[in-house]
PDB file of all heavy atoms in Angstrom:
ATOM      1  N   SER A   1      94.637 104.652 110.018  1.00  0.00           N
ATOM      2  CA  SER A   1      94.131 105.896 109.573  1.00  0.00           C
ATOM      3  C   SER A   1      92.637 106.035 109.732  1.00  0.00           C
ATOM      4  O   SER A   1      92.082 105.027 109.959  1.00  0.00           O
ATOM      5  CB  SER A   1      94.522 106.039 108.022  1.00  0.00           C
ATOM      6  OG  SER A   1      93.800 105.133 107.302  1.00  0.00           O
ATOM      7  N   TYR A   2      92.082 107.109 109.690  1.00  0.00           N
ATOM      8  CA  TYR A   2      90.737 107.491 109.812  1.00  0.00           C
ATOM      9  C   TYR A   2      90.002 106.851 110.880  1.00  0.00           C
ATOM     10  O   TYR A   2      89.113 106.133 110.815  1.00  0.00           O
ATOM     11  CB  TYR A   2      90.103 107.035 108.420  1.00  0.00           C
ATOM     12  CG  TYR A   2      90.683 107.780 107.263  1.00  0.00           C
ATOM     13  CD1 TYR A   2      91.391 107.198 106.300  1.00  0.00           C
ATOM     14  CD2 TYR A   2      90.556 109.125 107.137  1.00  0.00           C
ATOM     15  CE1 TYR A   2      91.998 107.808 105.367  1.00  0.00           C
ATOM     16  CE2 TYR A   2      91.128 109.886 106.078  1.00  0.00           C
ATOM     17  CZ  TYR A   2      91.800 109.188 105.124  1.00  0.00           C
ATOM     18  OH  TYR A   2      92.352 109.828 104.085  1.00  0.00           O
ATOM     19  N   LEU A   3      90.573 107.040 112.202  1.00  0.00           N
ATOM     20  CA  LEU A   3      89.813 106.567 113.341  1.00  0.00           C
ATOM     21  C   LEU A   3      88.629 107.563 113.507  1.00  0.00           C
ATOM     22  O   LEU A   3      88.707 108.603 113.204  1.00  0.00           O
ATOM     23  CB  LEU A   3      90.770 106.677 114.641  1.00  0.00           C
ATOM     24  CG  LEU A   3      91.949 105.661 114.568  1.00  0.00           C
ATOM     25  CD1 LEU A   3      92.792 106.043 115.816  1.00  0.00           C
ATOM     26  CD2 LEU A   3      91.566 104.287 114.512  1.00  0.00           C
ATOM     27  N   ASP A   4      87.547 106.935 113.956  1.00  0.00           N
ATOM     28  CA  ASP A   4      86.374 107.795 114.192  1.00  0.00           C
ATOM     29  C   ASP A   4      85.613 107.280 115.402  1.00  0.00           C
ATOM     30  O   ASP A   4      85.860 106.220 115.878  1.00  0.00           O
ATOM     31  CB  ASP A   4      85.580 107.495 112.913  1.00  0.00           C
ATOM     32  CG  ASP A   4      84.509 108.545 112.528  1.00  0.00           C
ATOM     33  OD1 ASP A   4      84.443 109.401 113.348  1.00  0.00           O
ATOM     34  OD2 ASP A   4      83.832 108.442 111.570  1.00  0.00           O
ATOM     35  N   SER A   5      84.786 108.131 115.930  1.00  0.00           N
ATOM     36  CA  SER A   5      83.959 107.843 117.050  1.00  0.00           C
ATOM     37  C   SER A   5      82.741 108.653 117.001  1.00  0.00           C
ATOM     38  O   SER A   5      82.679 109.701 116.331  1.00  0.00           O
ATOM     39  CB  SER A   5      84.647 108.128 118.317  1.00  0.00           C
ATOM     40  OG  SER A   5      85.031 109.429 118.438  1.00  0.00           O
ATOM     41  N   VAL A   6      81.744 108.350 117.787  1.00  0.00           N
ATOM     42  CA  VAL A   6      80.616 109.129 118.038  1.00  0.00           C
ATOM     43  C   VAL A   6      80.424 109.171 119.507  1.00  0.00           C
ATOM     44  O   VAL A   6      80.913 108.402 120.257  1.00  0.00           O
ATOM     45  CB  VAL A   6      79.200 108.497 117.390  1.00  0.00           C
ATOM     46  CG1 VAL A   6      79.391 108.637 115.841  1.00  0.00           C
ATOM     47  CG2 VAL A   6      79.133 107.002 117.776  1.00  0.00           C
ATOM     48  N   HIS A   7      79.932 110.324 119.951  1.00  0.00           N
ATOM     49  CA  HIS A   7      79.743 110.638 121.275  1.00  0.00           C
ATOM     50  C   HIS A   7      78.681 109.925 122.080  1.00  0.00           C
ATOM     51  O   HIS A   7      78.172 110.394 123.036  1.00  0.00           O
ATOM     52  CB  HIS A   7      79.894 112.103 121.653  1.00  0.00           C
ATOM     53  CG  HIS A   7      78.702 112.858 121.185  1.00  0.00           C
ATOM     54  ND1 HIS A   7      78.635 114.128 121.468  1.00  0.00           N
ATOM     55  CD2 HIS A   7      77.618 112.515 120.588  1.00  0.00           C
ATOM     56  CE1 HIS A   7      77.422 114.644 120.913  1.00  0.00           C
ATOM     57  NE2 HIS A   7      76.851 113.579 120.463  1.00  0.00           N
ATOM     58  N   TYR A   8      78.190 108.863 121.593  1.00  0.00           N
ATOM     59  CA  TYR A   8      76.923 108.183 122.322  1.00  0.00           C
ATOM     60  C   TYR A   8      77.409 107.257 123.412  1.00  0.00           C
ATOM     61  O   TYR A   8      76.544 106.796 124.055  1.00  0.00           O
ATOM     62  CB  TYR A   8      76.142 107.445 121.267  1.00  0.00           C
ATOM     63  CG  TYR A   8      75.370 108.346 120.330  1.00  0.00           C
ATOM     64  CD1 TYR A   8      75.494 108.274 118.977  1.00  0.00           C
ATOM     65  CD2 TYR A   8      74.645 109.304 120.857  1.00  0.00           C
ATOM     66  CE1 TYR A   8      74.925 109.071 118.007  1.00  0.00           C
ATOM     67  CE2 TYR A   8      73.944 110.209 119.947  1.00  0.00           C
ATOM     68  CZ  TYR A   8      74.106 109.996 118.524  1.00  0.00           C
ATOM     69  OH  TYR A   8      73.456 110.891 117.715  1.00  0.00           O
ATOM     70  N   PHE A   9      78.641 106.801 123.370  1.00  0.00           N
ATOM     71  CA  PHE A   9      79.116 105.805 124.411  1.00  0.00           C
ATOM     72  C   PHE A   9      78.710 106.328 125.862  1.00  0.00           C
ATOM     73  O   PHE A   9      79.057 107.459 126.290  1.00  0.00           O
ATOM     74  CB  PHE A   9      80.594 105.634 124.322  1.00  0.00           C
ATOM     75  CG  PHE A   9      81.156 104.564 125.212  1.00  0.00           C
ATOM     76  CD1 PHE A   9      81.161 103.285 124.757  1.00  0.00           C
ATOM     77  CD2 PHE A   9      81.653 104.894 126.478  1.00  0.00           C
ATOM     78  CE1 PHE A   9      81.601 102.299 125.702  1.00  0.00           C
ATOM     79  CE2 PHE A   9      82.103 103.909 127.351  1.00  0.00           C
ATOM     80  CZ  PHE A   9      82.191 102.569 126.878  1.00  0.00           C
ATOM     81  N   ARG A  10      78.267 105.376 126.652  1.00  0.00           N
ATOM     82  CA  ARG A  10      77.802 105.683 128.025  1.00  0.00           C
ATOM     83  C   ARG A  10      78.429 104.613 128.913  1.00  0.00           C
ATOM     84  O   ARG A  10      78.544 103.455 128.552  1.00  0.00           O
ATOM     85  CB  ARG A  10      76.394 105.613 128.166  1.00  0.00           C
ATOM     86  CG  ARG A  10      75.603 106.764 127.337  1.00  0.00           C
ATOM     87  CD  ARG A  10      75.853 108.115 127.975  1.00  0.00           C
ATOM     88  NE  ARG A  10      74.930 109.104 127.240  1.00  0.00           N
ATOM     89  CZ  ARG A  10      75.271 109.887 126.316  1.00  0.00           C
ATOM     90  NH1 ARG A  10      76.642 109.862 125.884  1.00  0.00           N
ATOM     91  NH2 ARG A  10      74.683 110.818 125.766  1.00  0.00           N
ATOM     92  N   PRO A  11      78.846 104.972 130.189  1.00  0.00           N
ATOM     93  CA  PRO A  11      78.786 106.201 130.750  1.00  0.00           C
ATOM     94  C   PRO A  11      80.083 107.172 130.125  1.00  0.00           C
ATOM     95  O   PRO A  11      81.094 106.627 129.884  1.00  0.00           O
ATOM     96  CB  PRO A  11      79.153 105.984 132.233  1.00  0.00           C
ATOM     97  CG  PRO A  11      79.739 104.726 132.302  1.00  0.00           C
ATOM     98  CD  PRO A  11      79.223 103.895 131.048  1.00  0.00           C
ATOM     99  N   ARG A  12      79.655 108.434 129.999  1.00  0.00           N
ATOM    100  CA  ARG A  12      80.654 109.453 129.304  1.00  0.00           C
ATOM    101  C   ARG A  12      81.973 109.465 129.997  1.00  0.00           C
ATOM    102  O   ARG A  12      82.942 109.444 129.189  1.00  0.00           O
ATOM    103  CB  ARG A  12      79.962 110.786 129.371  1.00  0.00           C
ATOM    104  CG  ARG A  12      80.645 111.743 128.589  1.00  0.00           C
ATOM    105  CD  ARG A  12      79.930 113.047 128.413  1.00  0.00           C
ATOM    106  NE  ARG A  12      80.591 113.760 127.304  1.00  0.00           N
ATOM    107  CZ  ARG A  12      81.331 114.931 127.564  1.00  0.00           C
ATOM    108  NH1 ARG A  12      81.331 115.426 128.770  1.00  0.00           N
ATOM    109  NH2 ARG A  12      81.834 115.610 126.509  1.00  0.00           N
ATOM    110  N   PRO A  13      82.193 109.415 131.237  1.00  0.00           N
ATOM    111  CA  PRO A  13      83.445 109.472 131.866  1.00  0.00           C
ATOM    112  C   PRO A  13      84.545 108.333 131.332  1.00  0.00           C
ATOM    113  O   PRO A  13      85.697 108.590 131.478  1.00  0.00           O
ATOM    114  CB  PRO A  13      83.283 109.409 133.398  1.00  0.00           C
ATOM    115  CG  PRO A  13      81.814 109.863 133.466  1.00  0.00           C
ATOM    116  CD  PRO A  13      81.075 109.373 132.308  1.00  0.00           C
ATOM    117  N   TYR A  14      83.897 107.173 130.773  1.00  0.00           N
ATOM    118  CA  TYR A  14      84.759 106.213 130.405  1.00  0.00           C
ATOM    119  C   TYR A  14      84.984 106.134 128.931  1.00  0.00           C
ATOM    120  O   TYR A  14      85.691 105.283 128.411  1.00  0.00           O
ATOM    121  CB  TYR A  14      84.189 104.791 130.806  1.00  0.00           C
ATOM    122  CG  TYR A  14      84.032 104.616 132.367  1.00  0.00           C
ATOM    123  CD1 TYR A  14      82.835 104.561 132.939  1.00  0.00           C
ATOM    124  CD2 TYR A  14      85.166 104.547 133.096  1.00  0.00           C
ATOM    125  CE1 TYR A  14      82.784 104.452 134.274  1.00  0.00           C
ATOM    126  CE2 TYR A  14      85.128 104.379 134.431  1.00  0.00           C
ATOM    127  CZ  TYR A  14      83.903 104.316 135.059  1.00  0.00           C
ATOM    128  OH  TYR A  14      83.794 104.255 136.423  1.00  0.00           O
ATOM    129  N   ARG A  15      84.434 107.109 128.165  1.00  0.00           N
ATOM    130  CA  ARG A  15      84.485 107.132 126.665  1.00  0.00           C
ATOM    131  C   ARG A  15      85.957 107.084 126.254  1.00  0.00           C
ATOM    132  O   ARG A  15      86.390 106.317 125.516  1.00  0.00           O
ATOM    133  CB  ARG A  15      83.823 108.350 126.149  1.00  0.00           C
ATOM    134  CG  ARG A  15      83.640 108.270 124.663  1.00  0.00           C
ATOM    135  CD  ARG A  15      82.906 109.479 124.123  1.00  0.00           C
ATOM    136  NE  ARG A  15      81.667 109.877 124.838  1.00  0.00           N
ATOM    137  CZ  ARG A  15      81.166 111.003 125.045  1.00  0.00           C
ATOM    138  NH1 ARG A  15      81.718 112.076 124.393  1.00  0.00           N
ATOM    139  NH2 ARG A  15      80.094 111.219 125.629  1.00  0.00           N
ATOM    140  N   THR A  16      86.756 108.134 126.787  1.00  0.00           N
ATOM    141  CA  THR A  16      88.202 108.250 126.254  1.00  0.00           C
ATOM    142  C   THR A  16      88.994 107.091 126.596  1.00  0.00           C
ATOM    143  O   THR A  16      89.704 106.536 125.841  1.00  0.00           O
ATOM    144  CB  THR A  16      88.829 109.557 126.786  1.00  0.00           C
ATOM    145  OG1 THR A  16      88.118 110.749 126.313  1.00  0.00           O
ATOM    146  CG2 THR A  16      90.278 109.697 126.544  1.00  0.00           C
ATOM    147  N   LEU A  17      88.719 106.578 127.823  1.00  0.00           N
ATOM    148  CA  LEU A  17      89.578 105.415 128.333  1.00  0.00           C
ATOM    149  C   LEU A  17      89.253 104.288 127.406  1.00  0.00           C
ATOM    150  O   LEU A  17      90.109 103.432 127.132  1.00  0.00           O
ATOM    151  CB  LEU A  17      89.030 105.075 129.705  1.00  0.00           C
ATOM    152  CG  LEU A  17      89.814 103.876 130.367  1.00  0.00           C
ATOM    153  CD1 LEU A  17      91.202 104.187 130.615  1.00  0.00           C
ATOM    154  CD2 LEU A  17      89.124 103.564 131.674  1.00  0.00           C
ATOM    155  N   VAL A  18      87.910 103.953 127.085  1.00  0.00           N
ATOM    156  CA  VAL A  18      87.585 102.809 126.265  1.00  0.00           C
ATOM    157  C   VAL A  18      88.087 102.893 124.870  1.00  0.00           C
ATOM    158  O   VAL A  18      88.853 101.975 124.369  1.00  0.00           O
ATOM    159  CB  VAL A  18      86.121 102.530 126.249  1.00  0.00           C
ATOM    160  CG1 VAL A  18      85.701 101.458 125.211  1.00  0.00           C
ATOM    161  CG2 VAL A  18      85.639 102.114 127.653  1.00  0.00           C
ATOM    162  N   TYR A  19      87.924 104.143 124.261  1.00  0.00           N
ATOM    163  CA  TYR A  19      88.481 104.351 122.820  1.00  0.00           C
ATOM    164  C   TYR A  19      89.968 104.240 122.862  1.00  0.00           C
ATOM    165  O   TYR A  19      90.501 103.570 121.929  1.00  0.00           O
ATOM    166  CB  TYR A  19      87.984 105.723 122.403  1.00  0.00           C
ATOM    167  CG  TYR A  19      86.605 105.848 122.008  1.00  0.00           C
ATOM    168  CD1 TYR A  19      85.938 107.079 122.058  1.00  0.00           C
ATOM    169  CD2 TYR A  19      85.855 104.782 121.603  1.00  0.00           C
ATOM    170  CE1 TYR A  19      84.628 107.204 121.769  1.00  0.00           C
ATOM    171  CE2 TYR A  19      84.506 104.901 121.230  1.00  0.00           C
ATOM    172  CZ  TYR A  19      83.904 106.088 121.312  1.00  0.00           C
ATOM    173  OH  TYR A  19      82.620 106.227 120.847  1.00  0.00           O
ATOM    174  N   GLN A  20      90.767 104.755 123.805  1.00  0.00           N
ATOM    175  CA  GLN A  20      92.130 104.570 123.876  1.00  0.00           C
ATOM    176  C   GLN A  20      92.569 103.104 124.020  1.00  0.00           C
ATOM    177  O   GLN A  20      93.400 102.662 123.470  1.00  0.00           O
ATOM    178  CB  GLN A  20      92.726 105.572 124.924  1.00  0.00           C
ATOM    179  CG  GLN A  20      92.697 106.961 124.548  1.00  0.00           C
ATOM    180  CD  GLN A  20      93.321 107.899 125.530  1.00  0.00           C
ATOM    181  OE1 GLN A  20      93.452 107.587 126.670  1.00  0.00           O
ATOM    182  NE2 GLN A  20      93.774 108.995 125.152  1.00  0.00           N
ATOM    183  N   GLU A  21      91.846 102.450 124.945  1.00  0.00           N
ATOM    184  CA  GLU A  21      92.186 101.023 125.233  1.00  0.00           C
ATOM    185  C   GLU A  21      92.003 100.226 123.935  1.00  0.00           C
ATOM    186  O   GLU A  21      92.800  99.251 123.645  1.00  0.00           O
ATOM    187  CB  GLU A  21      91.302 100.532 126.328  1.00  0.00           C
ATOM    188  CG  GLU A  21      91.724  99.104 126.774  1.00  0.00           C
ATOM    189  CD  GLU A  21      93.239  99.164 127.203  1.00  0.00           C
ATOM    190  OE1 GLU A  21      93.637 100.044 127.948  1.00  0.00           O
ATOM    191  OE2 GLU A  21      93.871  98.142 126.977  1.00  0.00           O
ATOM    192  N   ILE A  22      90.939 100.536 123.066  1.00  0.00           N
ATOM    193  CA  ILE A  22      90.826  99.893 121.754  1.00  0.00           C
ATOM    194  C   ILE A  22      92.010  99.977 121.009  1.00  0.00           C
ATOM    195  O   ILE A  22      92.598  99.011 120.316  1.00  0.00           O
ATOM    196  CB  ILE A  22      89.552 100.289 120.983  1.00  0.00           C
ATOM    197  CG1 ILE A  22      88.311  99.779 121.893  1.00  0.00           C
ATOM    198  CG2 ILE A  22      89.481  99.737 119.609  1.00  0.00           C
ATOM    199  CD1 ILE A  22      86.944 100.398 121.446  1.00  0.00           C
ATOM    200  N   ILE A  23      92.562 101.196 120.778  1.00  0.00           N
ATOM    201  CA  ILE A  23      93.873 101.390 120.010  1.00  0.00           C
ATOM    202  C   ILE A  23      95.039 100.692 120.541  1.00  0.00           C
ATOM    203  O   ILE A  23      95.824 100.145 119.901  1.00  0.00           O
ATOM    204  CB  ILE A  23      94.037 103.011 119.971  1.00  0.00           C
ATOM    205  CG1 ILE A  23      92.868 103.692 119.241  1.00  0.00           C
ATOM    206  CG2 ILE A  23      95.271 103.226 119.034  1.00  0.00           C
ATOM    207  CD1 ILE A  23      92.321 103.150 117.913  1.00  0.00           C
ATOM    208  N   ILE A  24      95.100 100.865 121.874  1.00  0.00           N
ATOM    209  CA  ILE A  24      96.248 100.173 122.664  1.00  0.00           C
ATOM    210  C   ILE A  24      96.279  98.735 122.402  1.00  0.00           C
ATOM    211  O   ILE A  24      97.272  98.103 122.105  1.00  0.00           O
ATOM    212  CB  ILE A  24      96.316 100.490 124.080  1.00  0.00           C
ATOM    213  CG1 ILE A  24      96.450 102.126 124.279  1.00  0.00           C
ATOM    214  CG2 ILE A  24      97.333  99.649 124.949  1.00  0.00           C
ATOM    215  CD1 ILE A  24      96.152 102.552 125.685  1.00  0.00           C
ATOM    216  N   SER A  25      95.105  98.063 122.535  1.00  0.00           N
ATOM    217  CA  SER A  25      94.927  96.712 122.314  1.00  0.00           C
ATOM    218  C   SER A  25      95.291  96.301 120.943  1.00  0.00           C
ATOM    219  O   SER A  25      95.806  95.229 120.645  1.00  0.00           O
ATOM    220  CB  SER A  25      93.536  96.211 122.777  1.00  0.00           C
ATOM    221  OG  SER A  25      93.279  96.470 124.084  1.00  0.00           O
ATOM    222  N   TYR A  26      94.844  97.136 120.034  1.00  0.00           N
ATOM    223  CA  TYR A  26      95.179  96.756 118.512  1.00  0.00           C
ATOM    224  C   TYR A  26      96.637  96.768 118.369  1.00  0.00           C
ATOM    225  O   TYR A  26      97.182  95.847 117.590  1.00  0.00           O
ATOM    226  CB  TYR A  26      94.371  97.721 117.666  1.00  0.00           C
ATOM    227  CG  TYR A  26      94.719  97.564 116.175  1.00  0.00           C
ATOM    228  CD1 TYR A  26      94.497  96.407 115.432  1.00  0.00           C
ATOM    229  CD2 TYR A  26      95.666  98.493 115.484  1.00  0.00           C
ATOM    230  CE1 TYR A  26      94.801  96.194 114.213  1.00  0.00           C
ATOM    231  CE2 TYR A  26      96.150  98.114 114.236  1.00  0.00           C
ATOM    232  CZ  TYR A  26      95.618  97.053 113.540  1.00  0.00           C
ATOM    233  OH  TYR A  26      96.003  96.868 112.379  1.00  0.00           O
ATOM    234  N   LEU A  27      97.319  97.876 118.852  1.00  0.00           N
ATOM    235  CA  LEU A  27      98.803  98.000 118.719  1.00  0.00           C
ATOM    236  C   LEU A  27      99.469  96.724 119.352  1.00  0.00           C
ATOM    237  O   LEU A  27     100.440  96.266 118.791  1.00  0.00           O
ATOM    238  CB  LEU A  27      99.231  99.233 119.255  1.00  0.00           C
ATOM    239  CG  LEU A  27      98.750 100.547 118.457  1.00  0.00           C
ATOM    240  CD1 LEU A  27      99.226 101.688 119.177  1.00  0.00           C
ATOM    241  CD2 LEU A  27      99.380 100.395 116.976  1.00  0.00           C
ATOM    242  N   GLU A  28      99.041  96.272 120.565  1.00  0.00           N
ATOM    243  CA  GLU A  28      99.585  95.150 121.103  1.00  0.00           C
ATOM    244  C   GLU A  28      99.356  93.898 120.358  1.00  0.00           C
ATOM    245  O   GLU A  28     100.170  93.026 120.133  1.00  0.00           O
ATOM    246  CB  GLU A  28      98.993  94.946 122.653  1.00  0.00           C
ATOM    247  CG  GLU A  28      99.695  93.837 123.325  1.00  0.00           C
ATOM    248  CD  GLU A  28      99.074  93.698 124.663  1.00  0.00           C
ATOM    249  OE1 GLU A  28      97.876  94.055 125.007  1.00  0.00           O
ATOM    250  OE2 GLU A  28      99.813  93.214 125.533  1.00  0.00           O
ATOM    251  N   TYR A  29      98.080  93.770 119.815  1.00  0.00           N
ATOM    252  CA  TYR A  29      97.766  92.663 118.924  1.00  0.00           C
ATOM    253  C   TYR A  29      98.745  92.610 117.612  1.00  0.00           C
ATOM    254  O   TYR A  29      99.367  91.526 117.392  1.00  0.00           O
ATOM    255  CB  TYR A  29      96.363  92.750 118.469  1.00  0.00           C
ATOM    256  CG  TYR A  29      95.984  91.828 117.281  1.00  0.00           C
ATOM    257  CD1 TYR A  29      95.658  90.401 117.618  1.00  0.00           C
ATOM    258  CD2 TYR A  29      95.877  92.187 116.047  1.00  0.00           C
ATOM    259  CE1 TYR A  29      95.335  89.576 116.589  1.00  0.00           C
ATOM    260  CE2 TYR A  29      95.431  91.357 114.973  1.00  0.00           C
ATOM    261  CZ  TYR A  29      95.142  90.124 115.339  1.00  0.00           C
ATOM    262  OH  TYR A  29      94.856  89.110 114.259  1.00  0.00           O
ATOM    263  N   VAL A  30      98.937  93.679 116.966  1.00  0.00           N
ATOM    264  CA  VAL A  30      99.818  93.636 115.735  1.00  0.00           C
ATOM    265  C   VAL A  30     101.228  93.445 116.116  1.00  0.00           C
ATOM    266  O   VAL A  30     101.974  92.790 115.511  1.00  0.00           O
ATOM    267  CB  VAL A  30      99.559  94.914 114.932  1.00  0.00           C
ATOM    268  CG1 VAL A  30      98.235  95.047 114.322  1.00  0.00           C
ATOM    269  CG2 VAL A  30     100.012  96.153 115.521  1.00  0.00           C
ATOM    270  N   LYS A  31     101.636  93.911 117.266  1.00  0.00           N
ATOM    271  CA  LYS A  31     102.973  93.685 117.909  1.00  0.00           C
ATOM    272  C   LYS A  31     103.240  92.102 117.927  1.00  0.00           C
ATOM    273  O   LYS A  31     104.225  91.494 117.510  1.00  0.00           O
ATOM    274  CB  LYS A  31     103.250  94.343 119.094  1.00  0.00           C
ATOM    275  CG  LYS A  31     104.688  94.084 119.666  1.00  0.00           C
ATOM    276  CD  LYS A  31     104.882  94.657 121.023  1.00  0.00           C
ATOM    277  CE  LYS A  31     106.377  94.186 121.584  1.00  0.00           C
ATOM    278  NZ  LYS A  31     106.587  94.741 122.839  1.00  0.00           N
ATOM    279  N   ASN A  32     102.236  91.492 118.600  1.00  0.00           N
ATOM    280  CA  ASN A  32     102.285  90.098 118.879  1.00  0.00           C
ATOM    281  C   ASN A  32     102.166  89.236 117.552  1.00  0.00           C
ATOM    282  O   ASN A  32     102.670  88.148 117.554  1.00  0.00           O
ATOM    283  CB  ASN A  32     101.144  89.650 119.747  1.00  0.00           C
ATOM    284  CG  ASN A  32     101.307  90.124 121.193  1.00  0.00           C
ATOM    285  OD1 ASN A  32     102.404  90.435 121.562  1.00  0.00           O
ATOM    286  ND2 ASN A  32     100.292  90.291 121.966  1.00  0.00           N
TER     287      ASN A  32
END
């Protein structure tokens, strides 16, 4: 719950990819 972000991450084109990968990696971690 309560995922949060700020738009300072650079380079901007990778922001969504990185934020999504953090969530995906967390879900893989808890599955394991």
